[in-house]
Amino acid sequence: KSVFEPLQTGIKAIDALVPIGRGQRELIIGDRKTGKTSLAIDTILNQKDQNMIVIYVAIGQKDSTVRTQVETLRQLGAMDYTIVVNAGPSEPAPMLYLAPYVGAAMGEEFMYNGKHVLIVYDDLSKQATAYRELSLILRRPPGREAYPGDVFYLHSRLLERAAKLSDELGGGSMTALPFIETQAGDVSAYIPTNVISITDGQVFLDADQFYAGVRPAIDAGTSVSRVGGDAQIKSH
């Protein structure tokens, strides 16, 4: 079914300019330390009493960072409806590669039981790096930026699992917020272009705005939602 119900992030710039619907896949892209995780935490906190189950997949995040985030969620009562899947940087590469699929499998279970799920992948750049490591060890031929040839399929098969089900299938939904970390704002690198082409739009976080004190540092010019007005509450 096409996306029609809004998922309110509680961030005006997103809900007004790049609205996200239940069942959509919206990429959050930006340099390191531009507030991507903070944006996700705010969105998770805003799902309280919204009949939402949240799955937060931390891939290669520092254990101390994840602990701080979980503590924030716990203090504000968000752990009542949140599952955290954590594959830390000290884990072997296969664990980082598998973590997002573990989260997606959990999300699908809820979705097919008529529930609404929000899944956050933080971040898929580290999953791609882990998969590259794995592929090179397996002596698979490297391609562009030394990633294997099927790195596009790595992300497409994960993100295509987010959907809005028809009423016959229970009407559940799974909304995906994948994160990609750019280098010096370069969205034309291999992994960013791949994920931009898979998702239904992107929220671009600009480092210059962030350091100028504009937070969340959303670049309105390059951010887009391909679902658009369908995912907004109609004004009467």
Protein backbone atom coordinates (compact mmCIF):
# COMPACT_ATOMS: atom_id res chain seq x y z
CA LYS A 1 0.00 0.00 0.00
CA SER A 2 1.30 3.50 -0.66
CA VAL A 3 2.41 5.58 2.32
CA PHE A 4 -0.30 7.86 3.72
CA GLU A 5 0.03 8.05 7.52
CA PRO A 6 2.45 10.62 8.95
CA LEU A 7 5.29 9.70 11.27
CA GLN A 8 5.84 12.80 13.38
CA THR A 9 9.48 13.33 14.31
CA GLY A 10 8.72 16.31 16.55
CA ILE A 11 11.29 18.32 14.57
CA LYS A 12 9.41 21.11 12.76
CA ALA A 13 11.95 21.43 9.94
CA ILE A 14 11.44 17.76 9.01
CA ASP A 15 7.69 17.49 9.61
CA ALA A 16 7.04 20.63 7.52
CA LEU A 17 9.68 20.45 4.77
CA VAL A 18 10.52 16.75 4.37
CA PRO A 19 7.58 14.88 5.95
CA ILE A 20 8.13 11.21 6.74
CA GLY A 21 5.29 8.69 6.43
CA ARG A 22 4.82 5.32 8.09
CA GLY A 23 6.42 2.77 5.77
CA GLN A 24 8.85 5.23 4.17
CA ARG A 25 12.64 4.97 3.98
CA GLU A 26 14.23 8.34 4.64
CA LEU A 27 18.01 8.63 4.57
CA ILE A 28 19.71 10.81 7.19
CA ILE A 29 23.01 11.88 5.67
CA GLY A 30 25.77 14.19 6.87
CA ASP A 31 29.35 14.46 8.05
CA ARG A 32 30.59 13.11 11.34
CA LYS A 33 29.35 15.08 14.36
CA THR A 34 26.54 16.97 12.58
CA GLY A 35 23.77 15.72 14.89
CA LYS A 36 22.51 12.61 13.07
CA THR A 37 22.17 10.47 16.20
CA SER A 38 20.64 13.36 18.17
CA LEU A 39 18.01 13.68 15.44
CA ALA A 40 17.24 9.97 15.78
CA ILE A 41 17.01 10.14 19.58
CA ASP A 42 14.61 13.12 19.31
CA THR A 43 12.47 11.16 16.83
CA ILE A 44 12.44 8.10 19.11
CA LEU A 45 11.39 10.22 22.11
CA ASN A 46 8.57 11.75 20.05
CA GLN A 47 7.08 8.28 19.39
CA LYS A 48 5.85 8.04 22.98
CA ASP A 49 2.10 7.22 23.09
CA GLN A 50 2.07 7.06 19.25
CA ASN A 51 1.51 3.28 19.11
CA MET A 52 5.03 2.79 17.73
CA ILE A 53 7.72 0.21 18.40
CA VAL A 54 11.23 1.56 17.84
CA ILE A 55 14.29 -0.52 16.95
CA TYR A 56 17.60 1.32 17.21
CA VAL A 57 20.46 -0.52 15.51
CA ALA A 58 23.89 0.83 16.54
CA ILE A 59 26.60 -0.34 14.14
CA GLY A 60 30.21 0.29 15.15
CA GLN A 61 29.27 3.03 17.64
CA LYS A 62 31.47 3.46 20.71
CA ASP A 63 30.08 1.49 23.66
CA SER A 64 30.17 4.62 25.83
CA THR A 65 28.09 6.51 23.22
CA VAL A 66 25.47 3.76 23.03
CA ARG A 67 25.34 3.55 26.82
CA THR A 68 24.71 7.31 27.05
CA GLN A 69 21.91 7.09 24.47
CA VAL A 70 20.24 4.15 26.19
CA GLU A 71 20.44 6.00 29.51
CA THR A 72 18.80 9.07 27.93
CA LEU A 73 16.01 6.90 26.51
CA ARG A 74 15.55 5.13 29.84
CA GLN A 75 15.32 8.36 31.85
CA LEU A 76 12.65 9.72 29.51
CA GLY A 77 10.63 6.49 29.48
CA ALA A 78 11.41 5.62 25.86
CA MET A 79 12.91 2.18 26.61
CA ASP A 80 9.33 0.96 27.24
CA TYR A 81 8.81 0.80 23.46
CA THR A 82 12.41 0.66 22.19
CA ILE A 83 14.70 -2.27 21.31
CA VAL A 84 18.44 -1.55 20.99
CA VAL A 85 20.60 -3.80 18.81
CA ASN A 86 24.27 -3.01 19.35
CA ALA A 87 27.28 -4.28 17.40
CA GLY A 88 30.25 -2.40 18.84
CA PRO A 89 33.51 -1.51 17.08
CA SER A 90 35.38 -4.25 18.97
CA GLU A 91 33.07 -6.95 17.57
CA PRO A 92 34.15 -9.02 14.56
CA ALA A 93 33.16 -7.64 11.12
CA PRO A 94 30.43 -10.29 10.52
CA MET A 95 28.55 -9.00 13.59
CA LEU A 96 28.52 -5.43 12.25
CA TYR A 97 27.42 -6.77 8.86
CA LEU A 98 24.56 -8.81 10.36
CA ALA A 99 23.27 -6.31 12.97
CA PRO A 100 20.93 -4.36 10.60
CA TYR A 101 19.36 -7.61 9.35
CA VAL A 102 18.76 -8.69 12.94
CA GLY A 103 16.92 -5.42 13.57
CA ALA A 104 14.94 -5.77 10.32
CA ALA A 105 13.86 -9.33 11.22
CA MET A 106 12.55 -8.09 14.59
CA GLY A 107 10.78 -5.19 12.89
CA GLU A 108 9.13 -7.48 10.32
CA GLU A 109 7.76 -9.69 13.10
CA PHE A 110 5.94 -6.69 14.60
CA MET A 111 4.94 -5.31 11.18
CA TYR A 112 3.29 -8.57 10.08
CA ASN A 113 1.37 -8.58 13.38
CA GLY A 114 -0.26 -5.25 12.50
CA LYS A 115 2.07 -3.04 14.55
CA HIS A 116 3.87 0.14 13.47
CA VAL A 117 7.67 0.04 13.66
CA LEU A 118 10.38 2.67 13.32
CA ILE A 119 13.85 1.25 12.67
CA VAL A 120 17.00 3.38 12.82
CA TYR A 121 20.25 2.08 11.27
CA ASP A 122 23.14 4.07 12.80
CA ASP A 123 25.00 3.90 10.50
CA LEU A 124 25.14 1.92 7.26
CA SER A 125 28.55 3.33 6.25
CA LYS A 126 30.12 1.21 8.98
CA GLN A 127 28.13 -1.83 7.84
CA ALA A 128 29.45 -1.33 4.28
CA THR A 129 33.01 -1.07 5.64
CA ALA A 130 32.54 -4.30 7.62
CA TYR A 131 31.14 -6.02 4.52
CA ARG A 132 34.11 -4.79 2.48
CA GLU A 133 36.49 -6.23 5.09
CA LEU A 134 34.61 -9.54 4.98
CA SER A 135 34.61 -9.69 1.17
CA LEU A 136 38.32 -8.90 0.87
CA ILE A 137 39.15 -11.66 3.37
CA LEU A 138 37.03 -14.03 1.24
CA ARG A 139 39.13 -12.88 -1.74
CA ARG A 140 36.16 -11.51 -3.67
CA PRO A 141 37.19 -9.09 -6.45
CA PRO A 142 37.08 -5.49 -5.18
CA GLY A 143 35.29 -2.81 -7.21
CA ARG A 144 34.93 0.95 -6.78
CA GLU A 145 36.51 2.22 -3.52
CA ALA A 146 37.47 -1.46 -2.89
CA TYR A 147 33.85 -2.37 -2.11
CA PRO A 148 32.64 -5.67 -3.57
CA GLY A 149 30.34 -5.67 -6.60
CA ASP A 150 27.23 -6.54 -4.61
CA VAL A 151 27.46 -3.73 -2.05
CA PHE A 152 24.38 -2.07 -3.62
CA TYR A 153 22.43 -5.28 -3.01
CA LEU A 154 23.71 -5.28 0.59
CA HIS A 155 21.72 -2.10 1.29
CA SER A 156 18.82 -2.55 -1.13
CA ARG A 157 17.83 -5.94 0.30
CA LEU A 158 17.82 -4.39 3.77
CA LEU A 159 15.93 -1.17 3.01
CA GLU A 160 13.33 -2.78 0.70
CA ARG A 161 12.02 -4.61 3.78
CA ALA A 162 10.52 -1.37 5.09
CA ALA A 163 6.92 -1.07 3.89
CA LYS A 164 3.33 -0.12 4.59
CA LEU A 165 1.20 -3.27 4.49
CA SER A 166 -2.30 -3.40 3.01
CA ASP A 167 -5.30 -3.90 5.30
CA GLU A 168 -5.57 -7.54 4.15
CA LEU A 169 -2.08 -8.13 5.59
CA GLY A 170 -2.92 -6.38 8.87
CA GLY A 171 -2.07 -2.78 7.98
CA GLY A 172 1.26 -2.76 9.84
CA SER A 173 4.24 -0.67 8.77
CA MET A 174 8.00 -0.47 9.11
CA THR A 175 9.65 2.92 8.61
CA ALA A 176 13.41 2.95 8.08
CA LEU A 177 15.80 5.79 8.93
CA PRO A 178 19.18 4.69 7.57
CA PHE A 179 22.19 6.89 8.38
CA ILE A 180 25.15 7.49 6.10
CA GLU A 181 28.27 9.38 7.17
CA THR A 182 29.79 11.54 4.43
CA GLN A 183 33.36 12.81 4.14
CA ALA A 184 33.50 16.62 3.84
CA GLY A 185 29.88 16.76 2.66
CA ASP A 186 30.56 14.65 -0.43
CA VAL A 187 27.23 13.00 -1.32
CA SER A 188 28.61 11.83 -4.68
CA ALA A 189 30.81 9.12 -3.11
CA TYR A 190 29.93 5.49 -3.82
CA ILE A 191 27.92 4.46 -0.73
CA PRO A 192 25.99 7.77 -0.37
CA THR A 193 24.84 7.70 -4.02
CA ASN A 194 23.82 4.05 -3.67
CA VAL A 195 21.68 4.64 -0.59
CA ILE A 196 20.20 7.91 -1.94
CA SER A 197 18.97 5.95 -4.98
CA ILE A 198 17.39 3.23 -2.79
CA THR A 199 15.58 5.47 -0.28
CA ASP A 200 12.45 7.65 -0.63
CA GLY A 201 14.32 10.89 0.04
CA GLN A 202 17.03 12.23 2.30
CA VAL A 203 17.59 14.70 5.12
CA PHE A 204 20.97 16.34 4.57
CA LEU A 205 22.72 17.69 7.66
CA ASP A 206 25.15 20.49 6.89
CA ALA A 207 28.33 20.87 8.96
CA ASP A 208 28.58 24.64 8.32
CA GLN A 209 25.06 25.22 9.66
CA PHE A 210 25.78 22.96 12.63
CA TYR A 211 28.89 24.92 13.63
CA ALA A 212 27.02 28.20 13.05
CA GLY A 213 24.62 27.07 15.78
CA VAL A 214 21.67 26.12 13.53
CA ARG A 215 20.51 22.83 15.04
CA PRO A 216 19.19 20.49 13.76
CA ALA A 217 21.45 21.52 10.85
CA ILE A 218 19.01 20.54 8.10
CA ASP A 219 19.91 21.82 4.64
CA ALA A 220 16.48 22.63 3.19
CA GLY A 221 17.84 22.89 -0.35
CA THR A 222 19.25 19.38 -0.66
CA SER A 223 16.78 17.56 1.63
CA VAL A 224 13.74 15.98 0.00
CA SER A 225 10.92 13.56 0.78
CA ARG A 226 9.64 11.57 -2.20
CA VAL A 227 6.39 10.88 -0.35
CA GLY A 228 5.80 14.55 0.41
CA GLY A 229 2.31 15.83 1.20
CA ASP A 230 0.86 12.30 1.38
CA ALA A 231 2.66 11.91 4.70
CA GLN A 232 1.36 15.11 6.25
CA ILE A 233 -1.71 15.64 8.40
CA LYS A 234 -4.21 17.46 6.18
CA SER A 235 -5.07 20.99 7.32
CA HIS A 236 -8.79 21.60 7.46
